[in-house]
Amino acid sequence: MDDDKKKTEEELEKLLKAIEKLEEDSKNQNKKKRKRRSFIAIEFGGVFHHNRSINFIFSFILNLAIAYTVIEVFSFATYDDFLYIVLFILAYSILEYILRLYLYLKHFKWIIKSFGTLFYFVYILIFYFLDYYVFVNVIEFDQAVLLMAFITLFTVIRYFISMFLRRRLR
């Protein structure tokens, strides 16, 4: 009888250890799944940092660097002073942030259905509004085609750089 009890206890201990191991494996798999989900959400949301202020400042600096480089390299526009470029991109960044937040909160299914193309049209509207109504005779794109080319290059370059930075920051 004592041998049977010992064998039974040993088997029970083995089973308990196996159950504990399965529970730990399950927890580890759940953690991995959570990390993957948050990674997709972060990538989709275009967030560099969880603090909104830091994220906005980082986006503004990135926008300024890319816009200035594209304008200078391709001579898409003429401007009076670098300060006007800074103000132009600051206004653009603020409007983009507000409209992007609005679209995410109110019209998320449109974003999904358009595969993000909706944002490109929003960028066109913002730049057009700023160029033709706010910064009149201060920053001038020589032709409407150059404005479209600038927006396209700006958007594509910003997308690739931001994807690269997000992956490197993690």
C-alpha atoms as a PDB file:
ATOM      1  CA  MET A   1       0.000   0.000   0.000  1.00  0.00           C
ATOM      2  CA  ASP A   2       2.743   2.415   0.865  1.00  0.00           C
ATOM      3  CA  ASP A   3       4.349   1.841  -2.511  1.00  0.00           C
ATOM      4  CA  ASP A   4       1.068   2.558  -4.250  1.00  0.00           C
ATOM      5  CA  LYS A   5       0.640   5.771  -2.250  1.00  0.00           C
ATOM      6  CA  LYS A   6       4.147   6.922  -3.102  1.00  0.00           C
ATOM      7  CA  LYS A   7       3.629   6.182  -6.783  1.00  0.00           C
ATOM      8  CA  THR A   8       0.321   8.020  -6.754  1.00  0.00           C
ATOM      9  CA  GLU A   9       1.845  11.018  -4.987  1.00  0.00           C
ATOM     10  CA  GLU A  10       4.751  11.075  -7.437  1.00  0.00           C
ATOM     11  CA  GLU A  11       2.346  10.936 -10.363  1.00  0.00           C
ATOM     12  CA  LEU A  12       0.284  13.736  -8.853  1.00  0.00           C
ATOM     13  CA  GLU A  13       3.401  15.847  -8.364  1.00  0.00           C
ATOM     14  CA  LYS A  14       4.407  15.230 -11.981  1.00  0.00           C
ATOM     15  CA  LEU A  15       0.940  16.201 -13.148  1.00  0.00           C
ATOM     16  CA  LEU A  16       0.977  19.380 -11.035  1.00  0.00           C
ATOM     17  CA  LYS A  17       4.362  20.342 -12.441  1.00  0.00           C
ATOM     18  CA  ALA A  18       3.124  19.680 -15.970  1.00  0.00           C
ATOM     19  CA  ILE A  19       0.031  21.830 -15.325  1.00  0.00           C
ATOM     20  CA  GLU A  20       2.168  24.649 -13.894  1.00  0.00           C
ATOM     21  CA  LYS A  21       4.440  24.484 -16.928  1.00  0.00           C
ATOM     22  CA  LEU A  22       1.437  24.630 -19.271  1.00  0.00           C
ATOM     23  CA  GLU A  23       0.084  27.653 -17.379  1.00  0.00           C
ATOM     24  CA  GLU A  24       3.434  29.444 -17.658  1.00  0.00           C
ATOM     25  CA  ASP A  25       3.650  28.656 -21.376  1.00  0.00           C
ATOM     26  CA  SER A  26       0.119  29.960 -21.821  1.00  0.00           C
ATOM     27  CA  LYS A  27       0.985  33.189 -19.991  1.00  0.00           C
ATOM     28  CA  ASN A  28       4.105  33.651 -22.114  1.00  0.00           C
ATOM     29  CA  GLN A  29       2.097  33.126 -25.295  1.00  0.00           C
ATOM     30  CA  ASN A  30      -0.500  35.664 -24.129  1.00  0.00           C
ATOM     31  CA  LYS A  31       2.251  38.216 -23.481  1.00  0.00           C
ATOM     32  CA  LYS A  32       3.658  37.650 -26.970  1.00  0.00           C
ATOM     33  CA  LYS A  33       0.204  38.024 -28.500  1.00  0.00           C
ATOM     34  CA  ARG A  34      -0.379  41.279 -26.597  1.00  0.00           C
ATOM     35  CA  LYS A  35       2.928  42.699 -27.762  1.00  0.00           C
ATOM     36  CA  ARG A  36       2.086  41.893 -31.358  1.00  0.00           C
ATOM     37  CA  ARG A  37      -1.304  43.549 -31.099  1.00  0.00           C
ATOM     38  CA  SER A  38       0.137  46.711 -29.588  1.00  0.00           C
ATOM     39  CA  PHE A  39       2.831  46.768 -32.282  1.00  0.00           C
ATOM     40  CA  ILE A  40       0.184  46.708 -35.017  1.00  0.00           C
ATOM     41  CA  ALA A  41      -1.879  49.362 -33.254  1.00  0.00           C
ATOM     42  CA  ILE A  42       1.136  51.621 -32.826  1.00  0.00           C
ATOM     43  CA  GLU A  43       2.197  51.223 -36.435  1.00  0.00           C
ATOM     44  CA  PHE A  44      -1.308  51.880 -37.640  1.00  0.00           C
ATOM     45  CA  GLY A  45      -1.723  54.878 -35.389  1.00  0.00           C
ATOM     46  CA  GLY A  46       1.509  56.523 -36.460  1.00  0.00           C
ATOM     47  CA  VAL A  47       2.656  57.110 -32.905  1.00  0.00           C
ATOM     48  CA  PHE A  48       6.311  57.743 -32.113  1.00  0.00           C
ATOM     49  CA  HIS A  49       5.733  58.257 -28.405  1.00  0.00           C
ATOM     50  CA  HIS A  50       2.770  57.681 -26.080  1.00  0.00           C
ATOM     51  CA  ASN A  51       2.917  61.216 -24.710  1.00  0.00           C
ATOM     52  CA  ARG A  52       0.930  63.361 -27.141  1.00  0.00           C
ATOM     53  CA  SER A  53       3.053  66.465 -26.630  1.00  0.00           C
ATOM     54  CA  ILE A  54       6.302  64.652 -27.285  1.00  0.00           C
ATOM     55  CA  ASN A  55       4.741  62.887 -30.261  1.00  0.00           C
ATOM     56  CA  PHE A  56       3.582  66.226 -31.718  1.00  0.00           C
ATOM     57  CA  ILE A  57       6.991  67.859 -31.245  1.00  0.00           C
ATOM     58  CA  PHE A  58       8.735  64.893 -32.825  1.00  0.00           C
ATOM     59  CA  SER A  59       6.295  64.926 -35.770  1.00  0.00           C
ATOM     60  CA  PHE A  60       6.773  68.676 -36.216  1.00  0.00           C
ATOM     61  CA  ILE A  61      10.567  68.368 -36.285  1.00  0.00           C
ATOM     62  CA  LEU A  62      10.355  65.489 -38.749  1.00  0.00           C
ATOM     63  CA  ASN A  63       7.887  67.424 -40.947  1.00  0.00           C
ATOM     64  CA  LEU A  64      10.096  70.519 -40.877  1.00  0.00           C
ATOM     65  CA  ALA A  65      13.253  68.632 -41.791  1.00  0.00           C
ATOM     66  CA  ILE A  66      11.623  66.757 -44.653  1.00  0.00           C
ATOM     67  CA  ALA A  67       9.674  69.734 -46.040  1.00  0.00           C
ATOM     68  CA  TYR A  68      12.678  72.041 -45.968  1.00  0.00           C
ATOM     69  CA  THR A  69      14.895  69.423 -47.602  1.00  0.00           C
ATOM     70  CA  VAL A  70      12.373  68.690 -50.358  1.00  0.00           C
ATOM     71  CA  ILE A  71      11.800  72.402 -51.053  1.00  0.00           C
ATOM     72  CA  GLU A  72      15.519  73.124 -51.194  1.00  0.00           C
ATOM     73  CA  VAL A  73      16.596  70.093 -53.205  1.00  0.00           C
ATOM     74  CA  PHE A  74      13.867  70.290 -55.834  1.00  0.00           C
ATOM     75  CA  SER A  75      13.238  74.087 -55.757  1.00  0.00           C
ATOM     76  CA  PHE A  76       9.486  73.635 -55.553  1.00  0.00           C
ATOM     77  CA  ALA A  77       8.834  76.956 -53.839  1.00  0.00           C
ATOM     78  CA  THR A  78      10.287  80.372 -53.121  1.00  0.00           C
ATOM     79  CA  TYR A  79      10.111  81.940 -49.687  1.00  0.00           C
ATOM     80  CA  ASP A  80      11.261  85.129 -48.024  1.00  0.00           C
ATOM     81  CA  ASP A  81      12.721  83.735 -44.805  1.00  0.00           C
ATOM     82  CA  PHE A  82      13.282  80.360 -43.136  1.00  0.00           C
ATOM     83  CA  LEU A  83      11.014  81.499 -40.297  1.00  0.00           C
ATOM     84  CA  TYR A  84       8.076  81.402 -42.707  1.00  0.00           C
ATOM     85  CA  ILE A  85       8.862  77.782 -43.533  1.00  0.00           C
ATOM     86  CA  VAL A  86       8.895  76.990 -39.807  1.00  0.00           C
ATOM     87  CA  LEU A  87       5.532  78.734 -39.304  1.00  0.00           C
ATOM     88  CA  PHE A  88       4.093  77.080 -42.414  1.00  0.00           C
ATOM     89  CA  ILE A  89       5.066  73.601 -41.231  1.00  0.00           C
ATOM     90  CA  LEU A  90       3.948  74.362 -37.669  1.00  0.00           C
ATOM     91  CA  ALA A  91       0.506  75.364 -38.963  1.00  0.00           C
ATOM     92  CA  TYR A  92       0.465  72.269 -41.169  1.00  0.00           C
ATOM     93  CA  SER A  93       1.438  70.013 -38.239  1.00  0.00           C
ATOM     94  CA  ILE A  94      -1.275  71.454 -35.997  1.00  0.00           C
ATOM     95  CA  LEU A  95      -3.979  71.107 -38.646  1.00  0.00           C
ATOM     96  CA  GLU A  96      -2.792  67.623 -39.564  1.00  0.00           C
ATOM     97  CA  TYR A  97      -2.835  66.534 -35.924  1.00  0.00           C
ATOM     98  CA  ILE A  98      -6.364  67.853 -35.382  1.00  0.00           C
ATOM     99  CA  LEU A  99      -7.766  66.407 -38.601  1.00  0.00           C
ATOM    100  CA  ARG A 100      -5.995  63.074 -38.120  1.00  0.00           C
ATOM    101  CA  LEU A 101      -7.409  62.761 -34.602  1.00  0.00           C
ATOM    102  CA  TYR A 102     -10.879  63.681 -35.862  1.00  0.00           C
ATOM    103  CA  LEU A 103     -10.723  61.104 -38.652  1.00  0.00           C
ATOM    104  CA  TYR A 104      -9.514  58.389 -36.287  1.00  0.00           C
ATOM    105  CA  LEU A 105     -12.284  59.099 -33.815  1.00  0.00           C
ATOM    106  CA  LYS A 106     -15.216  59.755 -36.153  1.00  0.00           C
ATOM    107  CA  HIS A 107     -14.463  58.145 -39.521  1.00  0.00           C
ATOM    108  CA  PHE A 108     -12.166  55.226 -38.836  1.00  0.00           C
ATOM    109  CA  LYS A 109     -13.947  52.946 -41.300  1.00  0.00           C
ATOM    110  CA  TRP A 110     -13.261  55.462 -44.102  1.00  0.00           C
ATOM    111  CA  ILE A 111      -9.564  55.242 -43.291  1.00  0.00           C
ATOM    112  CA  ILE A 112      -9.702  51.458 -43.450  1.00  0.00           C
ATOM    113  CA  LYS A 113     -11.665  51.422 -46.701  1.00  0.00           C
ATOM    114  CA  SER A 114      -9.361  53.949 -48.379  1.00  0.00           C
ATOM    115  CA  PHE A 115      -6.164  52.235 -47.137  1.00  0.00           C
ATOM    116  CA  GLY A 116      -4.939  55.606 -45.848  1.00  0.00           C
ATOM    117  CA  THR A 117      -5.432  57.425 -49.158  1.00  0.00           C
ATOM    118  CA  LEU A 118      -7.898  59.656 -47.363  1.00  0.00           C
ATOM    119  CA  PHE A 119      -4.973  61.167 -45.455  1.00  0.00           C
ATOM    120  CA  TYR A 120      -3.245  62.076 -48.708  1.00  0.00           C
ATOM    121  CA  PHE A 121      -6.275  64.113 -49.777  1.00  0.00           C
ATOM    122  CA  VAL A 122      -6.390  65.743 -46.352  1.00  0.00           C
ATOM    123  CA  TYR A 123      -2.718  66.706 -46.760  1.00  0.00           C
ATOM    124  CA  ILE A 124      -3.494  68.228 -50.154  1.00  0.00           C
ATOM    125  CA  LEU A 125      -6.316  70.293 -48.652  1.00  0.00           C
ATOM    126  CA  ILE A 126      -4.173  71.486 -45.749  1.00  0.00           C
ATOM    127  CA  PHE A 127      -1.240  72.511 -47.918  1.00  0.00           C
ATOM    128  CA  TYR A 128      -3.501  74.160 -50.483  1.00  0.00           C
ATOM    129  CA  PHE A 129      -5.346  76.103 -47.781  1.00  0.00           C
ATOM    130  CA  LEU A 130      -2.123  77.256 -46.138  1.00  0.00           C
ATOM    131  CA  ASP A 131      -0.423  78.170 -49.407  1.00  0.00           C
ATOM    132  CA  TYR A 132      -3.262  80.057 -51.044  1.00  0.00           C
ATOM    133  CA  TYR A 133      -5.078  81.585 -48.060  1.00  0.00           C
ATOM    134  CA  VAL A 134      -2.766  81.913 -45.059  1.00  0.00           C
ATOM    135  CA  PHE A 135       0.807  82.347 -46.313  1.00  0.00           C
ATOM    136  CA  VAL A 136       0.004  84.473 -49.349  1.00  0.00           C
ATOM    137  CA  ASN A 137       3.079  86.021 -51.056  1.00  0.00           C
ATOM    138  CA  VAL A 138       5.364  84.647 -48.339  1.00  0.00           C
ATOM    139  CA  ILE A 139       5.780  81.076 -49.558  1.00  0.00           C
ATOM    140  CA  GLU A 140       4.924  80.555 -53.199  1.00  0.00           C
ATOM    141  CA  PHE A 141       4.802  77.349 -55.139  1.00  0.00           C
ATOM    142  CA  ASP A 142       5.404  78.340 -58.743  1.00  0.00           C
ATOM    143  CA  GLN A 143       2.696  76.067 -60.128  1.00  0.00           C
ATOM    144  CA  ALA A 144      -0.076  73.898 -58.722  1.00  0.00           C
ATOM    145  CA  VAL A 145       1.708  70.890 -60.189  1.00  0.00           C
ATOM    146  CA  LEU A 146       4.770  71.687 -58.077  1.00  0.00           C
ATOM    147  CA  LEU A 147       2.580  71.858 -54.984  1.00  0.00           C
ATOM    148  CA  MET A 148       1.193  68.399 -55.803  1.00  0.00           C
ATOM    149  CA  ALA A 149       4.694  67.056 -56.479  1.00  0.00           C
ATOM    150  CA  PHE A 150       5.895  68.519 -53.173  1.00  0.00           C
ATOM    151  CA  ILE A 151       3.003  66.951 -51.245  1.00  0.00           C
ATOM    152  CA  THR A 152       3.565  63.572 -52.885  1.00  0.00           C
ATOM    153  CA  LEU A 153       7.322  63.546 -52.225  1.00  0.00           C
ATOM    154  CA  PHE A 154       6.832  64.903 -48.723  1.00  0.00           C
ATOM    155  CA  THR A 155       4.266  62.220 -47.889  1.00  0.00           C
ATOM    156  CA  VAL A 156       6.237  59.314 -49.342  1.00  0.00           C
ATOM    157  CA  ILE A 157       9.540  60.348 -47.766  1.00  0.00           C
ATOM    158  CA  ARG A 158       7.885  61.002 -44.412  1.00  0.00           C
ATOM    159  CA  TYR A 159       6.204  57.607 -44.500  1.00  0.00           C
ATOM    160  CA  PHE A 160       9.461  55.713 -45.098  1.00  0.00           C
ATOM    161  CA  ILE A 161      11.449  57.732 -42.575  1.00  0.00           C
ATOM    162  CA  SER A 162       8.775  57.418 -39.890  1.00  0.00           C
ATOM    163  CA  MET A 163       8.520  53.650 -40.432  1.00  0.00           C
ATOM    164  CA  PHE A 164      12.304  53.377 -40.164  1.00  0.00           C
ATOM    165  CA  LEU A 165      12.389  55.499 -36.998  1.00  0.00           C
ATOM    166  CA  ARG A 166       9.543  53.619 -35.315  1.00  0.00           C
ATOM    167  CA  ARG A 167      11.291  50.312 -35.907  1.00  0.00           C
ATOM    168  CA  ARG A 168      14.615  51.677 -34.653  1.00  0.00           C
ATOM    169  CA  LEU A 169      13.066  53.268 -31.545  1.00  0.00           C
ATOM    170  CA  ARG A 170      11.646  49.942 -30.461  1.00  0.00           C
END
